[in-house]
Amino acid sequence: MCIAQIVIARIHTNGNITWAIYMVELLCRGVNETLYQFNATKEDYEDTLSLFIEHQKNIKKTDYVLVHNILYAASEYASGLGLQQHKDFTSVTQYMLEEDTDDIKLIKIECGRNGKPLFIQSDSVTTREEQKIINQLEKAVGKGNFNVIGGEDGSDMDTDEFDEEVDESFTEELDNEYTMMGFEEKRALFLKMNKKDFTKLTLEQRNRLIILTDNICLLDVCDYDKINDLLIKWKAEKEIEIIDDDYTTELLGIAPDRIISEEDIADFIETDFQIQESPRKAAKLLKNLRKRWGNIPFLCYLELKYMEVKKPKELESMLKEYITLYPDYPLLKLEAYRRTIITTEDPNKIIILDFNEIFRGRNAITNYEMFEFQVAKLSVLIGLKDINKIEAQNIIIDDLSVKEEYLGFIGSTVMLSKIKLLYNYLVLL
C-alpha cells in the first residue's frame, strides 16, 4: 500500500459523530488532503460515508492502531523531507487522532519506494506545486536520490510562472463561460459534476464545480433583494474589528491587567481539542486550569463543551448556573442559543442569532469568538435550507479577516452546504 484514504469517526454520547477523512501518501507527500466535520448528525455522517464508499474500491473496516501508525508514519516521513502537511491536518485533524505515545502499539510502516522518496505527478497537483515539491526533495536528499513518475528527476520540468492573477483570470473566464450558457445547460452540467464524490475531484474539478455553483446561485436561483436585505441586517459581522490574538483577557472573561503566558495559551488550546478527542485528558486539563485560574467564564464555557460529551443530562442545569453568574459573556450566550435550537421542534420558530446581542458593547472580538459565532449561526442556516441566507452568509464570510485555519473550515462548510442545497433544488426540477 502506498496511497490510502482513511475515515476515522467518533460517536458522542448525544449520538452525534465527529469524523475526519485523510488522503495520505506514504511515498513522500504524507497527508495531502483532509476533510472533517464536528458533531454531525448520524444521518449526515452516513450520507457522507455512503458517498465516500460509492467512489472507492476495496474499502474495509480496520483497527485504529493500524491507521494511526499509517498517518503518523506518512506525516513524519514527509515532514522529515521538508514537505508541508495539509494545513487542516496540522491545525485540526491531527488532533482527532490519539496522542502518539507508547500506549499505541508501534507498527513498522514502510515509506518511500526502495529506500527513496517517490513523487507521483497527477492532475490534482499544479505544475507550480510539482516544481516546489521537486525542489524541496533535491534540497532534502539531493538530486538523483529520489524518483519522479511522470518525469526523470524533475530537472527537465518547466517552472510554472503563473501567479494568483492567472487564477483570478481563469475564474473570471470560466464564470463568463457559464454565464453564456442557458439555465438548463448549466443545470445538466452541475448534476453531472455531482455524480462524483467531492473528495475524489481534482483541484481543478473542484474549482470548476465551485464556480458553477456560485454562478447558478447568483444568476438563476437566489433573490438579490433578499440577499441585500440580509447583508444590511447582518452588517455588524463585517464591520467589527477582529484582533490577531485569540486568547485575550476579554475572551477569558478576566481583568485586563492579568498576564496570559504562552504556556497558558497552549494549555487552553490543548484542552479545547481534547474535549472531543479524549474527554478523560480534557477533564484533567480542566482541573489543572481551574486551579490556576479559578471559575473564569472561558473555563465555564469549556466545561459545558466537556459536559455535552460526557454528562449531557447535567448540561442544562449547569448552563443556567453559569449564565446566571456571567449573563453578558458572549460564549455562554452562544451556548444558550445552541441549546435553544436543539430543543426547538418547530423550525419556523427558530430565530437567527443577533451578532449585536451576543457581542453587546464590544468594539473588537477575537478570531476564536468570530469562529464560534459563525459555526453556531451556520448550523441554523443549514438547517433552515434557505439558499438565500446561505449565500448572504457566504458573502459575509468572504469579507472576514479571520485566521486561515478558521476561515478554511467556515468557508468549506458554507460551500459544501451550498452545493448540497443547490443539488437538492435542481434535482427536483
Protein backbone atom coordinates (compact mmCIF):
# COMPACT_ATOMS: atom_id res chain seq x y z
CA MET A 1 0.00 0.00 0.00
CA CYS A 2 1.39 3.42 -0.93
CA ILE A 3 -1.73 5.63 -1.05
CA ALA A 4 -4.67 5.38 1.35
CA GLN A 5 -7.90 7.20 2.08
CA ILE A 6 -8.81 6.83 5.72
CA VAL A 7 -12.03 7.64 7.56
CA ILE A 8 -11.98 7.97 11.35
CA ALA A 9 -15.20 8.62 13.24
CA ARG A 10 -16.02 9.08 16.91
CA ILE A 11 -19.55 8.86 18.27
CA HIS A 12 -20.52 11.23 21.10
CA THR A 13 -22.84 10.45 23.95
CA ASN A 14 -25.55 12.56 22.30
CA GLY A 15 -25.46 10.26 19.26
CA ASN A 16 -23.73 12.78 17.00
CA ILE A 17 -20.49 11.98 15.23
CA THR A 18 -17.20 13.78 14.64
CA TRP A 19 -15.45 12.46 11.55
CA ALA A 20 -12.34 13.09 9.51
CA ILE A 21 -11.15 11.86 6.13
CA TYR A 22 -7.42 11.71 5.42
CA MET A 23 -5.89 11.34 1.96
CA VAL A 24 -2.45 10.03 2.83
CA GLU A 25 0.50 9.06 0.67
CA LEU A 26 3.39 7.01 2.04
CA LEU A 27 5.69 7.66 -0.91
CA CYS A 28 6.74 11.20 0.07
CA ARG A 29 3.90 13.69 0.47
CA GLY A 30 2.21 12.44 3.65
CA VAL A 31 -1.24 13.86 4.42
CA ASN A 32 -2.02 15.95 1.34
CA GLU A 33 -5.78 16.40 1.87
CA THR A 34 -8.17 16.14 4.78
CA LEU A 35 -11.84 16.87 5.39
CA TYR A 36 -13.71 16.89 8.68
CA GLN A 37 -16.93 17.78 10.49
CA PHE A 38 -17.56 18.20 14.19
CA ASN A 39 -20.71 16.95 15.91
CA ALA A 40 -22.52 15.88 12.73
CA THR A 41 -25.84 14.08 12.95
CA LYS A 42 -25.80 10.34 12.34
CA GLU A 43 -27.78 10.88 9.13
CA ASP A 44 -25.33 13.45 7.73
CA TYR A 45 -22.39 11.21 8.59
CA GLU A 46 -23.99 8.20 6.91
CA ASP A 47 -24.72 10.29 3.79
CA THR A 48 -21.07 11.37 3.65
CA LEU A 49 -19.80 7.85 4.27
CA SER A 50 -22.07 6.33 1.60
CA LEU A 51 -20.81 8.87 -0.96
CA PHE A 52 -17.24 8.09 0.04
CA ILE A 53 -17.73 4.31 -0.24
CA GLU A 54 -19.58 4.68 -3.54
CA HIS A 55 -16.47 6.10 -5.20
CA GLN A 56 -13.89 3.81 -3.59
CA LYS A 57 -12.72 0.25 -4.15
CA ASN A 58 -11.53 -2.27 -1.57
CA ILE A 59 -12.97 -0.34 1.37
CA LYS A 60 -12.67 -2.22 4.63
CA LYS A 61 -13.02 -1.60 8.34
CA THR A 62 -9.77 -1.98 10.24
CA ASP A 63 -8.22 -1.50 13.66
CA TYR A 64 -7.49 2.08 14.76
CA VAL A 65 -3.90 1.19 15.68
CA LEU A 66 -3.07 0.43 12.04
CA VAL A 67 -4.41 3.69 10.61
CA HIS A 68 -2.81 5.61 13.50
CA ASN A 69 0.59 4.20 12.53
CA ILE A 70 -0.02 4.86 8.82
CA LEU A 71 -0.94 8.50 9.39
CA TYR A 72 1.91 9.27 11.78
CA ALA A 73 4.49 7.41 9.68
CA ALA A 74 3.46 9.19 6.48
CA SER A 75 3.29 12.61 8.15
CA GLU A 76 6.65 12.25 9.90
CA TYR A 77 8.32 10.94 6.73
CA ALA A 78 7.04 13.85 4.66
CA SER A 79 7.89 16.40 7.35
CA GLY A 80 11.39 14.96 7.55
CA LEU A 81 11.73 15.72 3.84
CA GLY A 82 10.61 19.30 4.48
CA LEU A 83 7.23 18.80 2.77
CA GLN A 84 4.41 20.63 4.49
CA GLN A 85 1.33 18.66 5.51
CA HIS A 86 -2.15 19.87 4.62
CA LYS A 87 -2.94 22.94 6.72
CA ASP A 88 -6.18 21.44 8.07
CA PHE A 89 -4.23 18.38 9.24
CA THR A 90 -1.68 20.42 11.18
CA SER A 91 -4.31 22.76 12.67
CA VAL A 92 -7.29 20.45 13.19
CA THR A 93 -7.49 16.82 12.13
CA GLN A 94 -4.23 15.60 13.65
CA TYR A 95 -5.87 16.35 17.00
CA MET A 96 -8.64 13.89 16.14
CA LEU A 97 -6.02 11.15 16.45
CA GLU A 98 -4.84 9.68 19.73
CA GLU A 99 -1.53 11.02 21.03
CA ASP A 100 1.41 9.13 19.54
CA THR A 101 2.62 7.60 22.79
CA ASP A 102 3.80 4.18 23.94
CA ASP A 103 0.17 3.36 24.71
CA ILE A 104 -0.33 2.86 20.96
CA LYS A 105 1.33 -0.28 19.63
CA LEU A 106 4.08 0.56 17.14
CA ILE A 107 3.68 -0.99 13.70
CA LYS A 108 6.52 -0.55 11.22
CA ILE A 109 5.18 1.24 8.14
CA GLU A 110 7.48 1.48 5.12
CA CYS A 111 7.59 4.89 3.46
CA GLY A 112 9.09 5.81 0.11
CA ARG A 113 9.86 3.19 -2.52
CA ASN A 114 13.03 1.09 -2.49
CA GLY A 115 14.56 3.33 0.14
CA LYS A 116 13.95 6.58 -1.77
CA PRO A 117 11.18 9.17 -1.81
CA LEU A 118 8.90 8.75 -4.81
CA PHE A 119 6.85 11.66 -6.16
CA ILE A 120 3.90 10.80 -8.39
CA GLN A 121 2.71 13.62 -10.63
CA SER A 122 -1.05 13.87 -11.02
CA ASP A 123 -3.83 16.17 -12.19
CA SER A 124 -4.55 17.14 -8.58
CA VAL A 125 -1.15 18.87 -8.30
CA THR A 126 -0.46 22.04 -10.27
CA THR A 127 2.77 22.47 -12.20
CA ARG A 128 3.88 25.10 -9.72
CA GLU A 129 3.27 22.74 -6.77
CA GLU A 130 5.10 19.94 -8.57
CA GLN A 131 8.16 22.11 -9.02
CA LYS A 132 8.11 23.18 -5.36
CA ILE A 133 7.97 19.52 -4.25
CA ILE A 134 10.82 18.53 -6.56
CA ASN A 135 12.95 21.49 -5.46
CA GLN A 136 12.39 20.54 -1.83
CA LEU A 137 13.27 16.88 -2.45
CA GLU A 138 16.50 17.97 -4.15
CA LYS A 139 17.27 20.13 -1.12
CA ALA A 140 16.41 17.38 1.39
CA VAL A 141 18.01 14.27 -0.15
CA GLY A 142 19.93 15.51 -3.17
CA LYS A 143 19.40 15.18 -6.90
CA GLY A 144 19.21 11.55 -8.00
CA ASN A 145 18.23 10.34 -4.54
CA PHE A 146 14.50 10.42 -5.25
CA ASN A 147 12.29 9.30 -8.11
CA VAL A 148 9.50 11.00 -10.04
CA ILE A 149 6.84 9.15 -12.01
CA GLY A 150 5.95 11.29 -14.99
CA GLY A 151 9.43 12.80 -15.35
CA GLU A 152 13.09 11.85 -14.89
CA ASP A 153 14.16 13.61 -11.72
CA GLY A 154 12.47 16.92 -12.14
CA SER A 155 15.35 18.59 -13.92
CA ASP A 156 13.57 18.70 -17.29
CA MET A 157 10.39 20.23 -15.94
CA ASP A 158 9.46 23.83 -16.66
CA THR A 159 8.84 26.08 -13.70
CA ASP A 160 5.28 27.34 -13.56
CA GLU A 161 5.42 31.12 -13.78
CA PHE A 162 1.71 31.65 -13.17
CA ASP A 163 0.71 33.66 -10.11
CA GLU A 164 -2.56 34.50 -8.37
CA GLU A 165 -3.57 36.82 -11.21
CA VAL A 166 -3.70 33.83 -13.55
CA ASP A 167 -6.04 32.02 -11.12
CA GLU A 168 -8.31 35.06 -10.99
CA SER A 169 -8.24 35.27 -14.78
CA PHE A 170 -9.17 31.58 -15.03
CA THR A 171 -12.05 32.09 -12.59
CA GLU A 172 -13.36 35.11 -14.47
CA GLU A 173 -13.04 33.35 -17.84
CA LEU A 174 -14.85 30.25 -16.61
CA ASP A 175 -17.56 32.31 -14.92
CA ASN A 176 -18.13 34.19 -18.19
CA GLU A 177 -18.35 30.85 -20.00
CA TYR A 178 -21.04 29.63 -17.58
CA THR A 179 -22.89 32.95 -17.83
CA MET A 180 -23.24 32.46 -21.60
CA MET A 181 -24.86 29.06 -21.06
CA GLY A 182 -28.61 28.59 -20.64
CA PHE A 183 -30.02 27.55 -17.28
CA GLU A 184 -30.93 24.01 -18.37
CA GLU A 185 -27.45 23.51 -19.81
CA LYS A 186 -25.86 24.67 -16.55
CA ARG A 187 -28.26 22.51 -14.54
CA ALA A 188 -27.31 19.41 -16.56
CA LEU A 189 -23.59 20.17 -16.17
CA PHE A 190 -23.96 20.73 -12.41
CA LEU A 191 -25.80 17.43 -11.91
CA LYS A 192 -23.17 15.63 -13.99
CA MET A 193 -20.34 17.14 -11.92
CA ASN A 194 -22.04 15.94 -8.73
CA LYS A 195 -22.07 12.31 -9.81
CA LYS A 196 -18.54 12.08 -8.47
CA ASP A 197 -17.81 12.46 -4.75
CA PHE A 198 -16.38 15.91 -3.97
CA THR A 199 -13.41 14.39 -2.14
CA LYS A 200 -12.45 12.48 -5.31
CA LEU A 201 -12.43 15.52 -7.58
CA THR A 202 -9.13 17.03 -8.65
CA LEU A 203 -8.35 20.58 -7.56
CA GLU A 204 -9.37 21.91 -10.97
CA GLN A 205 -12.63 19.92 -10.96
CA ARG A 206 -13.48 21.27 -7.51
CA ASN A 207 -12.79 24.82 -8.63
CA ARG A 208 -14.99 24.35 -11.68
CA LEU A 209 -17.84 22.99 -9.54
CA ILE A 210 -17.50 25.85 -7.03
CA ILE A 211 -17.50 28.48 -9.80
CA LEU A 212 -20.54 26.86 -11.43
CA THR A 213 -22.35 26.68 -8.07
CA ASP A 214 -21.74 30.38 -7.43
CA ASN A 215 -22.83 31.24 -10.96
CA ILE A 216 -26.13 29.34 -10.76
CA CYS A 217 -26.89 30.61 -7.26
CA LEU A 218 -26.35 34.26 -8.10
CA LEU A 219 -27.76 34.32 -11.66
CA ASP A 220 -30.53 31.73 -11.62
CA VAL A 221 -31.67 30.76 -8.15
CA CYS A 222 -31.05 33.39 -5.48
CA ASP A 223 -33.11 36.52 -4.88
CA TYR A 224 -30.87 39.63 -4.96
CA ASP A 225 -33.27 41.74 -2.93
CA LYS A 226 -33.47 39.18 -0.15
CA ILE A 227 -29.70 38.80 -0.09
CA ASN A 228 -29.16 42.58 0.07
CA ASP A 229 -31.68 42.88 2.90
CA LEU A 230 -29.82 40.18 4.83
CA LEU A 231 -26.42 41.81 4.21
CA ILE A 232 -27.75 45.07 5.63
CA LYS A 233 -29.28 43.27 8.60
CA TRP A 234 -26.05 41.36 9.32
CA LYS A 235 -23.54 44.13 8.50
CA ALA A 236 -22.20 44.24 12.09
CA GLU A 237 -20.44 40.93 11.45
CA LYS A 238 -18.38 42.52 8.66
CA GLU A 239 -17.71 45.80 10.43
CA ILE A 240 -16.42 44.54 13.79
CA GLU A 241 -12.65 44.61 14.25
CA ILE A 242 -11.06 41.17 14.63
CA ILE A 243 -7.83 41.20 16.64
CA ASP A 244 -4.92 38.86 15.94
CA ASP A 245 -4.57 37.38 19.42
CA ASP A 246 -7.04 34.59 20.16
CA TYR A 247 -6.69 34.28 23.92
CA THR A 248 -7.21 37.78 25.29
CA THR A 249 -8.43 38.88 28.72
CA GLU A 250 -11.82 39.67 27.15
CA LEU A 251 -12.10 36.18 25.68
CA LEU A 252 -11.20 34.60 29.03
CA GLY A 253 -13.51 36.98 30.89
CA ILE A 254 -10.82 38.18 33.30
CA ALA A 255 -9.42 41.52 34.48
CA PRO A 256 -7.47 43.36 31.75
CA ASP A 257 -4.29 43.51 33.88
CA ARG A 258 -3.89 39.72 34.29
CA ILE A 259 -0.96 38.15 32.44
CA ILE A 260 -1.56 35.31 29.96
CA SER A 261 1.58 33.30 29.18
CA GLU A 262 2.36 31.23 26.08
CA GLU A 263 2.14 28.13 28.28
CA ASP A 264 -1.36 29.16 29.38
CA ILE A 265 -2.44 29.61 25.76
CA ALA A 266 -1.04 26.19 24.82
CA ASP A 267 -3.00 24.61 27.68
CA PHE A 268 -6.24 26.31 26.62
CA ILE A 269 -5.79 25.10 23.04
CA GLU A 270 -4.93 21.56 24.11
CA THR A 271 -7.92 21.35 26.47
CA ASP A 272 -10.31 22.60 23.79
CA PHE A 273 -9.11 19.97 21.30
CA GLN A 274 -9.09 17.10 23.79
CA ILE A 275 -12.72 17.67 24.82
CA GLN A 276 -13.88 15.89 21.66
CA GLU A 277 -10.94 13.57 21.17
CA SER A 278 -10.04 12.41 24.70
CA PRO A 279 -12.50 13.65 27.36
CA ARG A 280 -10.51 11.95 30.12
CA LYS A 281 -7.44 14.01 29.26
CA ALA A 282 -9.62 17.11 28.91
CA ALA A 283 -11.03 16.59 32.42
CA LYS A 284 -7.53 16.55 33.90
CA LEU A 285 -6.51 19.62 31.93
CA LEU A 286 -9.66 21.48 33.01
CA LYS A 287 -8.97 20.62 36.64
CA ASN A 288 -5.43 21.98 36.41
CA LEU A 289 -6.58 25.14 34.64
CA ARG A 290 -9.20 25.79 37.32
CA LYS A 291 -6.51 25.56 40.00
CA ARG A 292 -4.58 28.31 38.24
CA TRP A 293 -7.43 30.49 37.01
CA GLY A 294 -10.46 29.80 39.17
CA ASN A 295 -14.04 29.77 37.88
CA ILE A 296 -13.46 32.19 34.97
CA PRO A 297 -16.09 32.45 32.17
CA PHE A 298 -13.99 30.80 29.45
CA LEU A 299 -13.35 27.72 31.59
CA CYS A 300 -17.09 27.57 32.33
CA TYR A 301 -17.64 27.51 28.58
CA LEU A 302 -15.07 24.74 28.06
CA GLU A 303 -16.64 22.76 30.88
CA LEU A 304 -20.03 22.98 29.15
CA LYS A 305 -18.45 21.63 25.96
CA TYR A 306 -16.96 18.82 28.02
CA MET A 307 -20.31 18.08 29.69
CA GLU A 308 -22.01 17.87 26.32
CA VAL A 309 -19.69 14.94 25.57
CA LYS A 310 -19.55 13.23 28.98
CA LYS A 311 -22.51 14.43 31.07
CA PRO A 312 -25.23 15.72 28.71
CA LYS A 313 -28.03 15.25 31.27
CA GLU A 314 -26.36 17.77 33.61
CA LEU A 315 -25.67 20.31 30.89
CA GLU A 316 -28.92 22.28 31.11
CA SER A 317 -28.71 22.94 34.86
CA MET A 318 -25.02 23.84 34.69
CA LEU A 319 -25.64 26.21 31.77
CA LYS A 320 -28.35 28.02 33.76
CA GLU A 321 -25.95 28.36 36.68
CA TYR A 322 -23.15 29.80 34.54
CA ILE A 323 -25.46 32.14 32.62
CA THR A 324 -26.68 33.49 35.95
CA LEU A 325 -23.07 34.06 37.03
CA TYR A 326 -21.94 35.62 33.74
CA PRO A 327 -25.04 36.84 31.84
CA ASP A 328 -23.06 39.05 29.43
CA TYR A 329 -20.32 36.59 28.50
CA PRO A 330 -20.62 36.04 24.70
CA LEU A 331 -19.59 32.37 24.51
CA LEU A 332 -22.07 31.39 27.22
CA LYS A 333 -24.79 33.27 25.35
CA LEU A 334 -23.84 31.34 22.23
CA GLU A 335 -24.09 28.06 24.13
CA ALA A 336 -27.52 29.03 25.47
CA TYR A 337 -28.58 29.79 21.90
CA ARG A 338 -27.35 26.40 20.70
CA ARG A 339 -29.33 24.64 23.41
CA THR A 340 -32.46 26.57 22.43
CA ILE A 341 -32.06 25.46 18.82
CA ILE A 342 -31.56 21.84 19.83
CA THR A 343 -34.77 21.80 21.88
CA THR A 344 -36.90 23.73 19.35
CA GLU A 345 -39.06 21.27 17.42
CA ASP A 346 -40.66 23.78 15.03
CA PRO A 347 -38.04 25.25 12.60
CA ASN A 348 -40.37 28.19 11.92
CA LYS A 349 -39.85 29.33 15.49
CA ILE A 350 -36.07 29.44 15.17
CA ILE A 351 -34.67 32.97 15.38
CA ILE A 352 -31.27 33.57 13.78
CA LEU A 353 -28.97 34.88 16.50
CA ASP A 354 -28.20 38.59 16.59
CA PHE A 355 -24.50 39.49 16.42
CA ASN A 356 -25.02 42.77 18.31
CA GLU A 357 -26.89 40.96 21.06
CA ILE A 358 -24.14 38.39 21.53
CA PHE A 359 -21.26 40.90 21.49
CA ARG A 360 -23.05 43.89 23.00
CA GLY A 361 -20.70 46.77 23.79
CA ARG A 362 -17.67 45.20 22.12
CA ASN A 363 -15.60 47.18 19.60
CA ALA A 364 -13.41 44.20 18.73
CA ILE A 365 -13.52 40.42 19.09
CA THR A 366 -11.07 37.56 18.68
CA ASN A 367 -10.78 35.07 15.82
CA TYR A 368 -11.96 32.38 18.26
CA GLU A 369 -15.15 34.30 19.09
CA MET A 370 -15.94 35.03 15.45
CA PHE A 371 -15.40 31.37 14.60
CA GLU A 372 -17.72 30.17 17.37
CA PHE A 373 -20.37 32.67 16.32
CA GLN A 374 -20.21 31.68 12.65
CA VAL A 375 -20.34 27.95 13.41
CA ALA A 376 -23.41 28.44 15.61
CA LYS A 377 -25.12 30.63 13.02
CA LEU A 378 -24.27 28.35 10.11
CA SER A 379 -25.69 25.31 11.87
CA VAL A 380 -29.01 27.12 11.99
CA LEU A 381 -28.87 28.44 8.42
CA ILE A 382 -28.03 24.99 7.07
CA GLY A 383 -30.97 23.55 8.98
CA LEU A 384 -33.30 26.17 7.52
CA LYS A 385 -32.28 25.10 3.99
CA ASP A 386 -32.67 28.64 2.64
CA ILE A 387 -30.11 29.18 -0.11
CA ASN A 388 -30.54 32.99 0.03
CA LYS A 389 -29.45 33.00 3.67
CA ILE A 390 -26.54 30.68 2.94
CA GLU A 391 -25.44 32.90 0.04
CA ALA A 392 -25.67 36.05 2.16
CA GLN A 393 -23.57 34.44 4.86
CA ASN A 394 -21.08 33.25 2.26
CA ILE A 395 -20.61 36.86 1.09
CA ILE A 396 -20.03 37.99 4.67
CA ILE A 397 -17.53 35.22 5.36
CA ASP A 398 -15.57 36.11 2.21
CA ASP A 399 -15.02 39.57 3.71
CA LEU A 400 -13.98 38.41 7.18
CA SER A 401 -10.38 38.97 8.24
CA VAL A 402 -10.03 35.81 10.31
CA LYS A 403 -7.15 33.38 10.51
CA GLU A 404 -6.85 30.84 7.71
CA GLU A 405 -7.39 27.83 9.98
CA TYR A 406 -10.77 29.26 10.99
CA LEU A 407 -11.74 30.64 7.61
CA GLY A 408 -10.94 27.36 5.87
CA PHE A 409 -13.41 25.39 7.97
CA ILE A 410 -16.17 28.00 7.83
CA GLY A 411 -15.72 28.63 4.11
CA SER A 412 -15.67 24.94 3.19
CA THR A 413 -18.75 24.30 5.35
CA VAL A 414 -20.68 27.05 3.58
CA MET A 415 -19.59 25.96 0.12
CA LEU A 416 -20.41 22.28 0.69
CA SER A 417 -23.79 23.34 2.10
CA LYS A 418 -24.44 25.48 -0.98
CA ILE A 419 -23.59 22.61 -3.28
CA LYS A 420 -25.84 20.22 -1.35
CA LEU A 421 -28.76 22.67 -1.20
CA LEU A 422 -28.43 23.54 -4.88
CA TYR A 423 -28.24 19.86 -5.82
CA ASN A 424 -31.43 19.06 -3.88
CA TYR A 425 -33.15 22.02 -5.56
CA LEU A 426 -32.04 21.25 -9.12
CA VAL A 427 -32.62 17.51 -8.97
CA LEU A 428 -36.30 18.10 -8.17
CA LEU A 429 -36.90 20.48 -11.12
